[in-house]
Amino acid sequence: DLVPCTCYADDKLNLFVECQSLPSLAKLKDVFSKPFAFH
């Protein structure tokens, strides 16, 4: 659901989001409409 972004968490549940080659800002906005557990 996040492609071309990736999301991962470390052992302390710190969230990291990395995005490469996004086609538009709309796609970046769509990534942050997904159901992340934390804000």
PDB file of all heavy atoms in Angstrom:
ATOM      1  N   ASP A   1       0.811  -1.220   0.000  1.00  0.00           N
ATOM      2  CA  ASP A   1       0.000   0.000   0.000  1.00  0.00           C
ATOM      3  C   ASP A   1       0.845   1.271   0.000  1.00  0.00           C
ATOM      4  O   ASP A   1       0.307   2.364  -0.208  1.00  0.00           O
ATOM      5  CB  ASP A   1      -0.920   0.021   1.220  1.00  0.00           C
ATOM      6  CG  ASP A   1      -1.998  -1.053   1.160  1.00  0.00           C
ATOM      7  OD1 ASP A   1      -2.289  -1.523   0.038  1.00  0.00           O
ATOM      8  OD2 ASP A   1      -2.532  -1.423   2.223  1.00  0.00           O
ATOM      9  N   LEU A   2       2.152   1.135   0.237  1.00  0.00           N
ATOM     10  CA  LEU A   2       3.016   2.310   0.375  1.00  0.00           C
ATOM     11  C   LEU A   2       3.952   2.517  -0.808  1.00  0.00           C
ATOM     12  O   LEU A   2       4.598   3.560  -0.902  1.00  0.00           O
ATOM     13  CB  LEU A   2       3.850   2.198   1.652  1.00  0.00           C
ATOM     14  CG  LEU A   2       3.087   2.088   2.970  1.00  0.00           C
ATOM     15  CD1 LEU A   2       4.064   1.991   4.131  1.00  0.00           C
ATOM     16  CD2 LEU A   2       2.152   3.287   3.157  1.00  0.00           C
ATOM     17  N   VAL A   3       4.043   1.537  -1.703  1.00  0.00           N
ATOM     18  CA  VAL A   3       4.971   1.623  -2.832  1.00  0.00           C
ATOM     19  C   VAL A   3       4.755   2.938  -3.589  1.00  0.00           C
ATOM     20  O   VAL A   3       3.600   3.314  -3.852  1.00  0.00           O
ATOM     21  CB  VAL A   3       4.753   0.418  -3.774  1.00  0.00           C
ATOM     22  CG1 VAL A   3       5.622   0.548  -5.027  1.00  0.00           C
ATOM     23  CG2 VAL A   3       5.066  -0.874  -3.040  1.00  0.00           C
ATOM     24  N   PRO A   4       5.838   3.709  -3.910  1.00  0.00           N
ATOM     25  CA  PRO A   4       7.266   3.382  -3.793  1.00  0.00           C
ATOM     26  C   PRO A   4       7.909   3.807  -2.466  1.00  0.00           C
ATOM     27  O   PRO A   4       9.124   3.955  -2.405  1.00  0.00           O
ATOM     28  CB  PRO A   4       7.875   4.172  -4.952  1.00  0.00           C
ATOM     29  CG  PRO A   4       7.044   5.399  -5.029  1.00  0.00           C
ATOM     30  CD  PRO A   4       5.646   4.963  -4.693  1.00  0.00           C
ATOM     31  N   CYS A   5       7.112   4.008  -1.445  1.00  0.00           N
ATOM     32  CA  CYS A   5       7.669   4.304  -0.124  1.00  0.00           C
ATOM     33  C   CYS A   5       7.827   3.005   0.670  1.00  0.00           C
ATOM     34  O   CYS A   5       7.188   1.991   0.370  1.00  0.00           O
ATOM     35  CB  CYS A   5       6.748   5.249   0.651  1.00  0.00           C
ATOM     36  SG  CYS A   5       6.529   6.868  -0.121  1.00  0.00           S
ATOM     37  N   THR A   6       8.684   3.083   1.676  1.00  0.00           N
ATOM     38  CA  THR A   6       8.833   1.954   2.597  1.00  0.00           C
ATOM     39  C   THR A   6       8.703   2.469   4.020  1.00  0.00           C
ATOM     40  O   THR A   6       9.036   3.614   4.312  1.00  0.00           O
ATOM     41  CB  THR A   6      10.201   1.266   2.429  1.00  0.00           C
ATOM     42  OG1 THR A   6      11.245   2.228   2.636  1.00  0.00           O
ATOM     43  CG2 THR A   6      10.334   0.650   1.048  1.00  0.00           C
ATOM     44  N   CYS A   7       8.201   1.601   4.882  1.00  0.00           N
ATOM     45  CA  CYS A   7       8.033   1.940   6.284  1.00  0.00           C
ATOM     46  C   CYS A   7       8.625   0.819   7.124  1.00  0.00           C
ATOM     47  O   CYS A   7       8.458  -0.369   6.806  1.00  0.00           O
ATOM     48  CB  CYS A   7       6.551   2.133   6.605  1.00  0.00           C
ATOM     49  SG  CYS A   7       6.180   2.339   8.369  1.00  0.00           S
ATOM     50  N   TYR A   8       9.319   1.195   8.176  1.00  0.00           N
ATOM     51  CA  TYR A   8       9.838   0.173   9.096  1.00  0.00           C
ATOM     52  C   TYR A   8       9.970   0.795  10.477  1.00  0.00           C
ATOM     53  O   TYR A   8       9.944   2.020  10.643  1.00  0.00           O
ATOM     54  CB  TYR A   8      11.176  -0.378   8.616  1.00  0.00           C
ATOM     55  CG  TYR A   8      12.287   0.638   8.498  1.00  0.00           C
ATOM     56  CD1 TYR A   8      13.179   0.851   9.550  1.00  0.00           C
ATOM     57  CD2 TYR A   8      12.447   1.386   7.322  1.00  0.00           C
ATOM     58  CE1 TYR A   8      14.194   1.782   9.442  1.00  0.00           C
ATOM     59  CE2 TYR A   8      13.465   2.315   7.215  1.00  0.00           C
ATOM     60  CZ  TYR A   8      14.337   2.513   8.282  1.00  0.00           C
ATOM     61  OH  TYR A   8      15.339   3.429   8.160  1.00  0.00           O
ATOM     62  N   ALA A   9      10.064  -0.078  11.465  1.00  0.00           N
ATOM     63  CA  ALA A   9      10.201   0.362  12.853  1.00  0.00           C
ATOM     64  C   ALA A   9      11.399  -0.324  13.475  1.00  0.00           C
ATOM     65  O   ALA A   9      11.708  -1.474  13.151  1.00  0.00           O
ATOM     66  CB  ALA A   9       8.939   0.048  13.639  1.00  0.00           C
ATOM     67  N   ASP A  10      12.090   0.388  14.377  1.00  0.00           N
ATOM     68  CA  ASP A  10      13.197  -0.242  15.077  1.00  0.00           C
ATOM     69  C   ASP A  10      12.683  -0.959  16.329  1.00  0.00           C
ATOM     70  O   ASP A  10      11.468  -1.069  16.545  1.00  0.00           O
ATOM     71  CB  ASP A  10      14.282   0.789  15.418  1.00  0.00           C
ATOM     72  CG  ASP A  10      13.781   1.887  16.360  1.00  0.00           C
ATOM     73  OD1 ASP A  10      12.721   1.713  16.994  1.00  0.00           O
ATOM     74  OD2 ASP A  10      14.462   2.929  16.468  1.00  0.00           O
ATOM     75  N   ASP A  11      13.597  -1.461  17.145  1.00  0.00           N
ATOM     76  CA  ASP A  11      13.217  -2.236  18.329  1.00  0.00           C
ATOM     77  C   ASP A  11      12.414  -1.421  19.336  1.00  0.00           C
ATOM     78  O   ASP A  11      11.681  -1.974  20.149  1.00  0.00           O
ATOM     79  CB  ASP A  11      14.469  -2.799  19.012  1.00  0.00           C
ATOM     80  CG  ASP A  11      15.162  -3.850  18.153  1.00  0.00           C
ATOM     81  OD1 ASP A  11      14.490  -4.390  17.253  1.00  0.00           O
ATOM     82  OD2 ASP A  11      16.359  -4.097  18.371  1.00  0.00           O
ATOM     83  N   LYS A  12      12.563  -0.097  19.268  1.00  0.00           N
ATOM     84  CA  LYS A  12      11.828   0.780  20.190  1.00  0.00           C
ATOM     85  C   LYS A  12      10.556   1.338  19.559  1.00  0.00           C
ATOM     86  O   LYS A  12       9.941   2.269  20.091  1.00  0.00           O
ATOM     87  CB  LYS A  12      12.730   1.916  20.655  1.00  0.00           C
ATOM     88  CG  LYS A  12      13.926   1.437  21.468  1.00  0.00           C
ATOM     89  CD  LYS A  12      14.778   2.612  21.926  1.00  0.00           C
ATOM     90  CE  LYS A  12      15.963   2.131  22.751  1.00  0.00           C
ATOM     91  NZ  LYS A  12      16.815   3.265  23.208  1.00  0.00           N
ATOM     92  N   LEU A  13      10.181   0.756  18.408  1.00  0.00           N
ATOM     93  CA  LEU A  13       8.976   1.140  17.670  1.00  0.00           C
ATOM     94  C   LEU A  13       9.028   2.580  17.177  1.00  0.00           C
ATOM     95  O   LEU A  13       8.000   3.242  17.029  1.00  0.00           O
ATOM     96  CB  LEU A  13       7.719   0.922  18.527  1.00  0.00           C
ATOM     97  CG  LEU A  13       7.390  -0.543  18.839  1.00  0.00           C
ATOM     98  CD1 LEU A  13       6.113  -0.646  19.667  1.00  0.00           C
ATOM     99  CD2 LEU A  13       7.245  -1.363  17.554  1.00  0.00           C
ATOM    100  N   ASN A  14      10.246   3.074  16.918  1.00  0.00           N
ATOM    101  CA  ASN A  14      10.388   4.341  16.202  1.00  0.00           C
ATOM    102  C   ASN A  14      10.099   4.090  14.732  1.00  0.00           C
ATOM    103  O   ASN A  14      10.683   3.191  14.124  1.00  0.00           O
ATOM    104  CB  ASN A  14      11.804   4.892  16.362  1.00  0.00           C
ATOM    105  CG  ASN A  14      12.088   5.341  17.776  1.00  0.00           C
ATOM    106  OD1 ASN A  14      11.355   6.163  18.327  1.00  0.00           O
ATOM    107  ND2 ASN A  14      13.152   4.809  18.373  1.00  0.00           N
ATOM    108  N   LEU A  15       9.221   4.884  14.159  1.00  0.00           N
ATOM    109  CA  LEU A  15       8.791   4.690  12.778  1.00  0.00           C
ATOM    110  C   LEU A  15       9.645   5.503  11.811  1.00  0.00           C
ATOM    111  O   LEU A  15       9.935   6.684  12.062  1.00  0.00           O
ATOM    112  CB  LEU A  15       7.329   5.104  12.611  1.00  0.00           C
ATOM    113  CG  LEU A  15       6.264   4.066  12.963  1.00  0.00           C
ATOM    114  CD1 LEU A  15       4.884   4.657  12.783  1.00  0.00           C
ATOM    115  CD2 LEU A  15       6.415   2.822  12.102  1.00  0.00           C
ATOM    116  N   PHE A  16      10.001   4.877  10.690  1.00  0.00           N
ATOM    117  CA  PHE A  16      10.778   5.529   9.650  1.00  0.00           C
ATOM    118  C   PHE A  16      10.047   5.329   8.318  1.00  0.00           C
ATOM    119  O   PHE A  16       9.651   4.210   7.981  1.00  0.00           O
ATOM    120  CB  PHE A  16      12.178   4.923   9.549  1.00  0.00           C
ATOM    121  CG  PHE A  16      12.985   5.043  10.807  1.00  0.00           C
ATOM    122  CD1 PHE A  16      12.811   4.131  11.849  1.00  0.00           C
ATOM    123  CD2 PHE A  16      13.908   6.063  10.952  1.00  0.00           C
ATOM    124  CE1 PHE A  16      13.557   4.245  13.020  1.00  0.00           C
ATOM    125  CE2 PHE A  16      14.651   6.182  12.116  1.00  0.00           C
ATOM    126  CZ  PHE A  16      14.478   5.277  13.152  1.00  0.00           C
ATOM    127  N   VAL A  17       9.886   6.412   7.560  1.00  0.00           N
ATOM    128  CA  VAL A  17       9.286   6.330   6.228  1.00  0.00           C
ATOM    129  C   VAL A  17      10.265   6.928   5.228  1.00  0.00           C
ATOM    130  O   VAL A  17      10.746   8.051   5.408  1.00  0.00           O
ATOM    131  CB  VAL A  17       7.946   7.078   6.153  1.00  0.00           C
ATOM    132  CG1 VAL A  17       7.435   7.105   4.708  1.00  0.00           C
ATOM    133  CG2 VAL A  17       6.915   6.402   7.043  1.00  0.00           C
ATOM    134  N   GLU A  18      10.576   6.147   4.173  1.00  0.00           N
ATOM    135  CA  GLU A  18      11.486   6.599   3.131  1.00  0.00           C
ATOM    136  C   GLU A  18      10.799   6.463   1.778  1.00  0.00           C
ATOM    137  O   GLU A  18      10.243   5.412   1.460  1.00  0.00           O
ATOM    138  CB  GLU A  18      12.784   5.783   3.155  1.00  0.00           C
ATOM    139  CG  GLU A  18      13.566   5.942   4.455  1.00  0.00           C
ATOM    140  CD  GLU A  18      14.825   5.102   4.492  1.00  0.00           C
ATOM    141  OE1 GLU A  18      15.074   4.372   3.497  1.00  0.00           O
ATOM    142  OE2 GLU A  18      15.543   5.155   5.512  1.00  0.00           O
ATOM    143  N   CYS A  19      10.840   7.553   0.993  1.00  0.00           N
ATOM    144  CA  CYS A  19      10.174   7.578  -0.307  1.00  0.00           C
ATOM    145  C   CYS A  19      11.156   7.994  -1.386  1.00  0.00           C
ATOM    146  O   CYS A  19      11.880   8.985  -1.225  1.00  0.00           O
ATOM    147  CB  CYS A  19       9.002   8.557  -0.296  1.00  0.00           C
ATOM    148  SG  CYS A  19       7.726   8.176   0.928  1.00  0.00           S
ATOM    149  N   GLN A  20      11.176   7.244  -2.476  1.00  0.00           N
ATOM    150  CA  GLN A  20      12.011   7.561  -3.620  1.00  0.00           C
ATOM    151  C   GLN A  20      11.164   7.481  -4.887  1.00  0.00           C
ATOM    152  O   GLN A  20      10.296   6.620  -5.022  1.00  0.00           O
ATOM    153  CB  GLN A  20      13.174   6.557  -3.738  1.00  0.00           C
ATOM    154  CG  GLN A  20      14.140   6.574  -2.574  1.00  0.00           C
ATOM    155  CD  GLN A  20      15.114   7.728  -2.632  1.00  0.00           C
ATOM    156  OE1 GLN A  20      15.438   8.222  -3.710  1.00  0.00           O
ATOM    157  NE2 GLN A  20      15.606   8.157  -1.485  1.00  0.00           N
ATOM    158  N   SER A  21      11.434   8.397  -5.807  1.00  0.00           N
ATOM    159  CA  SER A  21      10.811   8.359  -7.143  1.00  0.00           C
ATOM    160  C   SER A  21       9.293   8.431  -7.084  1.00  0.00           C
ATOM    161  O   SER A  21       8.598   7.731  -7.832  1.00  0.00           O
ATOM    162  CB  SER A  21      11.257   7.092  -7.900  1.00  0.00           C
ATOM    163  OG  SER A  21      12.660   7.021  -7.973  1.00  0.00           O
ATOM    164  N   LEU A  22       8.769   9.265  -6.215  1.00  0.00           N
ATOM    165  CA  LEU A  22       7.314   9.473  -6.195  1.00  0.00           C
ATOM    166  C   LEU A  22       6.891  10.242  -7.447  1.00  0.00           C
ATOM    167  O   LEU A  22       7.568  11.181  -7.870  1.00  0.00           O
ATOM    168  CB  LEU A  22       6.917  10.271  -4.954  1.00  0.00           C
ATOM    169  CG  LEU A  22       6.937   9.519  -3.620  1.00  0.00           C
ATOM    170  CD1 LEU A  22       6.935  10.497  -2.463  1.00  0.00           C
ATOM    171  CD2 LEU A  22       5.759   8.568  -3.518  1.00  0.00           C
ATOM    172  N   PRO A  23       5.755   9.865  -8.060  1.00  0.00           N
ATOM    173  CA  PRO A  23       5.345  10.528  -9.302  1.00  0.00           C
ATOM    174  C   PRO A  23       4.672  11.879  -9.084  1.00  0.00           C
ATOM    175  O   PRO A  23       4.577  12.678 -10.009  1.00  0.00           O
ATOM    176  CB  PRO A  23       4.354   9.526  -9.909  1.00  0.00           C
ATOM    177  CG  PRO A  23       3.773   8.817  -8.719  1.00  0.00           C
ATOM    178  CD  PRO A  23       4.886   8.719  -7.723  1.00  0.00           C
ATOM    179  N   SER A  24       4.181  12.139  -7.857  1.00  0.00           N
ATOM    180  CA  SER A  24       3.460  13.388  -7.605  1.00  0.00           C
ATOM    181  C   SER A  24       3.303  13.599  -6.102  1.00  0.00           C
ATOM    182  O   SER A  24       3.469  12.668  -5.301  1.00  0.00           O
ATOM    183  CB  SER A  24       2.073  13.352  -8.259  1.00  0.00           C
ATOM    184  OG  SER A  24       1.270  12.359  -7.626  1.00  0.00           O
ATOM    185  N   LEU A  25       2.938  14.830  -5.729  1.00  0.00           N
ATOM    186  CA  LEU A  25       2.620  15.105  -4.328  1.00  0.00           C
ATOM    187  C   LEU A  25       1.359  14.383  -3.893  1.00  0.00           C
ATOM    188  O   LEU A  25       1.207  14.022  -2.724  1.00  0.00           O
ATOM    189  CB  LEU A  25       2.464  16.611  -4.114  1.00  0.00           C
ATOM    190  CG  LEU A  25       3.730  17.397  -3.759  1.00  0.00           C
ATOM    191  CD1 LEU A  25       3.406  18.883  -3.645  1.00  0.00           C
ATOM    192  CD2 LEU A  25       4.341  16.899  -2.460  1.00  0.00           C
ATOM    193  N   ALA A  26       0.459  14.170  -4.838  1.00  0.00           N
ATOM    194  CA  ALA A  26      -0.775  13.445  -4.509  1.00  0.00           C
ATOM    195  C   ALA A  26      -0.453  12.040  -4.005  1.00  0.00           C
ATOM    196  O   ALA A  26      -1.113  11.531  -3.086  1.00  0.00           O
ATOM    197  CB  ALA A  26      -1.684  13.379  -5.738  1.00  0.00           C
ATOM    198  N   LYS A  27       0.567  11.416  -4.591  1.00  0.00           N
ATOM    199  CA  LYS A  27       0.961  10.085  -4.142  1.00  0.00           C
ATOM    200  C   LYS A  27       1.537  10.138  -2.739  1.00  0.00           C
ATOM    201  O   LYS A  27       1.261   9.263  -1.905  1.00  0.00           O
ATOM    202  CB  LYS A  27       1.995   9.499  -5.113  1.00  0.00           C
ATOM    203  CG  LYS A  27       2.478   8.094  -4.714  1.00  0.00           C
ATOM    204  CD  LYS A  27       1.330   7.098  -4.635  1.00  0.00           C
ATOM    205  CE  LYS A  27       1.823   5.724  -4.220  1.00  0.00           C
ATOM    206  NZ  LYS A  27       0.716   4.758  -4.028  1.00  0.00           N
ATOM    207  N   LEU A  28       2.334  11.190  -2.430  1.00  0.00           N
ATOM    208  CA  LEU A  28       2.871  11.331  -1.073  1.00  0.00           C
ATOM    209  C   LEU A  28       1.729  11.530  -0.077  1.00  0.00           C
ATOM    210  O   LEU A  28       1.730  10.942   1.013  1.00  0.00           O
ATOM    211  CB  LEU A  28       3.834  12.519  -1.011  1.00  0.00           C
ATOM    212  CG  LEU A  28       4.495  12.787   0.343  1.00  0.00           C
ATOM    213  CD1 LEU A  28       5.325  11.586   0.800  1.00  0.00           C
ATOM    214  CD2 LEU A  28       5.369  14.037   0.272  1.00  0.00           C
ATOM    215  N   LYS A  29       0.756  12.336  -0.447  1.00  0.00           N
ATOM    216  CA  LYS A  29      -0.402  12.553   0.425  1.00  0.00           C
ATOM    217  C   LYS A  29      -1.177  11.256   0.622  1.00  0.00           C
ATOM    218  O   LYS A  29      -1.667  10.959   1.724  1.00  0.00           O
ATOM    219  CB  LYS A  29      -1.308  13.623  -0.170  1.00  0.00           C
ATOM    220  CG  LYS A  29      -2.466  14.026   0.722  1.00  0.00           C
ATOM    221  CD  LYS A  29      -3.257  15.180   0.112  1.00  0.00           C
ATOM    222  CE  LYS A  29      -4.404  15.590   1.034  1.00  0.00           C
ATOM    223  NZ  LYS A  29      -5.170  16.726   0.455  1.00  0.00           N
ATOM    224  N   ASP A  30      -1.273  10.451  -0.450  1.00  0.00           N
ATOM    225  CA  ASP A  30      -1.977   9.172  -0.355  1.00  0.00           C
ATOM    226  C   ASP A  30      -1.282   8.223   0.612  1.00  0.00           C
ATOM    227  O   ASP A  30      -1.944   7.476   1.345  1.00  0.00           O
ATOM    228  CB  ASP A  30      -2.061   8.536  -1.752  1.00  0.00           C
ATOM    229  CG  ASP A  30      -2.762   7.183  -1.729  1.00  0.00           C
ATOM    230  OD1 ASP A  30      -3.956   7.137  -1.386  1.00  0.00           O
ATOM    231  OD2 ASP A  30      -2.089   6.166  -2.030  1.00  0.00           O
ATOM    232  N   VAL A  31       0.056   8.250   0.636  1.00  0.00           N
ATOM    233  CA  VAL A  31       0.808   7.403   1.568  1.00  0.00           C
ATOM    234  C   VAL A  31       0.388   7.696   3.003  1.00  0.00           C
ATOM    235  O   VAL A  31       0.187   6.779   3.816  1.00  0.00           O
ATOM    236  CB  VAL A  31       2.323   7.612   1.383  1.00  0.00           C
ATOM    237  CG1 VAL A  31       3.104   7.012   2.552  1.00  0.00           C
ATOM    238  CG2 VAL A  31       2.787   6.995   0.066  1.00  0.00           C
ATOM    239  N   PHE A  32       0.209   8.974   3.321  1.00  0.00           N
ATOM    240  CA  PHE A  32      -0.127   9.339   4.695  1.00  0.00           C
ATOM    241  C   PHE A  32      -1.627   9.276   4.990  1.00  0.00           C
ATOM    242  O   PHE A  32      -2.078   9.677   6.058  1.00  0.00           O
ATOM    243  CB  PHE A  32       0.447  10.714   5.023  1.00  0.00           C
ATOM    244  CG  PHE A  32       1.924  10.665   5.245  1.00  0.00           C
ATOM    245  CD1 PHE A  32       2.798  10.940   4.199  1.00  0.00           C
ATOM    246  CD2 PHE A  32       2.450  10.294   6.462  1.00  0.00           C
ATOM    247  CE1 PHE A  32       4.167  10.861   4.387  1.00  0.00           C
ATOM    248  CE2 PHE A  32       3.811  10.211   6.664  1.00  0.00           C
ATOM    249  CZ  PHE A  32       4.668  10.492   5.613  1.00  0.00           C
ATOM    250  N   SER A  33      -2.380   8.756   4.032  1.00  0.00           N
ATOM    251  CA  SER A  33      -3.788   8.450   4.301  1.00  0.00           C
ATOM    252  C   SER A  33      -3.968   6.995   4.710  1.00  0.00           C
ATOM    253  O   SER A  33      -5.073   6.572   5.065  1.00  0.00           O
ATOM    254  CB  SER A  33      -4.625   8.738   3.047  1.00  0.00           C
ATOM    255  OG  SER A  33      -4.331   7.797   2.014  1.00  0.00           O
ATOM    256  N   LYS A  34      -2.878   6.224   4.684  1.00  0.00           N
ATOM    257  CA  LYS A  34      -2.934   4.814   5.040  1.00  0.00           C
ATOM    258  C   LYS A  34      -2.999   4.645   6.560  1.00  0.00           C
ATOM    259  O   LYS A  34      -2.660   5.558   7.318  1.00  0.00           O
ATOM    260  CB  LYS A  34      -1.713   4.077   4.482  1.00  0.00           C
ATOM    261  CG  LYS A  34      -1.521   4.217   2.978  1.00  0.00           C
ATOM    262  CD  LYS A  34      -2.737   3.768   2.205  1.00  0.00           C
ATOM    263  CE  LYS A  34      -2.515   3.934   0.699  1.00  0.00           C
ATOM    264  NZ  LYS A  34      -3.733   3.589  -0.071  1.00  0.00           N
ATOM    265  N   PRO A  35      -3.435   3.466   7.010  1.00  0.00           N
ATOM    266  CA  PRO A  35      -3.657   3.247   8.459  1.00  0.00           C
ATOM    267  C   PRO A  35      -2.371   2.962   9.236  1.00  0.00           C
ATOM    268  O   PRO A  35      -2.106   1.829   9.641  1.00  0.00           O
ATOM    269  CB  PRO A  35      -4.606   2.045   8.476  1.00  0.00           C
ATOM    270  CG  PRO A  35      -4.260   1.275   7.236  1.00  0.00           C
ATOM    271  CD  PRO A  35      -3.900   2.305   6.206  1.00  0.00           C
ATOM    272  N   PHE A  36      -1.547   3.987   9.463  1.00  0.00           N
ATOM    273  CA  PHE A  36      -0.402   3.835  10.355  1.00  0.00           C
ATOM    274  C   PHE A  36      -0.896   3.685  11.790  1.00  0.00           C
ATOM    275  O   PHE A  36      -1.879   4.316  12.189  1.00  0.00           O
ATOM    276  CB  PHE A  36       0.510   5.059  10.269  1.00  0.00           C
ATOM    277  CG  PHE A  36       1.285   5.158   8.983  1.00  0.00           C
ATOM    278  CD1 PHE A  36       0.788   5.898   7.916  1.00  0.00           C
ATOM    279  CD2 PHE A  36       2.503   4.523   8.851  1.00  0.00           C
ATOM    280  CE1 PHE A  36       1.505   6.001   6.732  1.00  0.00           C
ATOM    281  CE2 PHE A  36       3.224   4.617   7.669  1.00  0.00           C
ATOM    282  CZ  PHE A  36       2.723   5.358   6.606  1.00  0.00           C
ATOM    283  N   ALA A  37      -0.210   2.872  12.570  1.00  0.00           N
ATOM    284  CA  ALA A  37      -0.619   2.667  13.969  1.00  0.00           C
ATOM    285  C   ALA A  37      -0.345   3.896  14.819  1.00  0.00           C
ATOM    286  O   ALA A  37      -1.055   4.165  15.788  1.00  0.00           O
ATOM    287  CB  ALA A  37       0.115   1.461  14.551  1.00  0.00           C
ATOM    288  N   PHE A  38       0.699   4.666  14.460  1.00  0.00           N
ATOM    289  CA  PHE A  38       1.080   5.843  15.233  1.00  0.00           C
ATOM    290  C   PHE A  38       1.075   7.077  14.331  1.00  0.00           C
ATOM    291  O   PHE A  38       1.135   6.968  13.107  1.00  0.00           O
ATOM    292  CB  PHE A  38       2.480   5.678  15.844  1.00  0.00           C
ATOM    293  CG  PHE A  38       2.688   4.378  16.559  1.00  0.00           C
ATOM    294  CD1 PHE A  38       3.863   3.650  16.377  1.00  0.00           C
ATOM    295  CD2 PHE A  38       1.728   3.874  17.418  1.00  0.00           C
ATOM    296  CE1 PHE A  38       4.085   2.454  17.028  1.00  0.00           C
ATOM    297  CE2 PHE A  38       1.930   2.671  18.081  1.00  0.00           C
ATOM    298  CZ  PHE A  38       3.103   1.956  17.888  1.00  0.00           C
ATOM    299  N   HIS A  39       1.048   8.247  14.947  1.00  0.00           N
ATOM    300  CA  HIS A  39       1.105   9.498  14.197  1.00  0.00           C
ATOM    301  C   HIS A  39       2.433  10.224  14.377  1.00  0.00           C
ATOM    302  O   HIS A  39       2.674  11.250  13.744  1.00  0.00           O
ATOM    303  CB  HIS A  39      -0.045  10.430  14.603  1.00  0.00           C
ATOM    304  CG  HIS A  39      -1.354  10.004  14.045  1.00  0.00           C
ATOM    305  ND1 HIS A  39      -2.565  10.405  14.566  1.00  0.00           N
ATOM    306  CD2 HIS A  39      -1.660   9.174  13.010  1.00  0.00           C
ATOM    307  CE1 HIS A  39      -3.557   9.861  13.873  1.00  0.00           C
ATOM    308  NE2 HIS A  39      -3.026   9.105  12.925  1.00  0.00           N
TER     309      HIS A  39
END
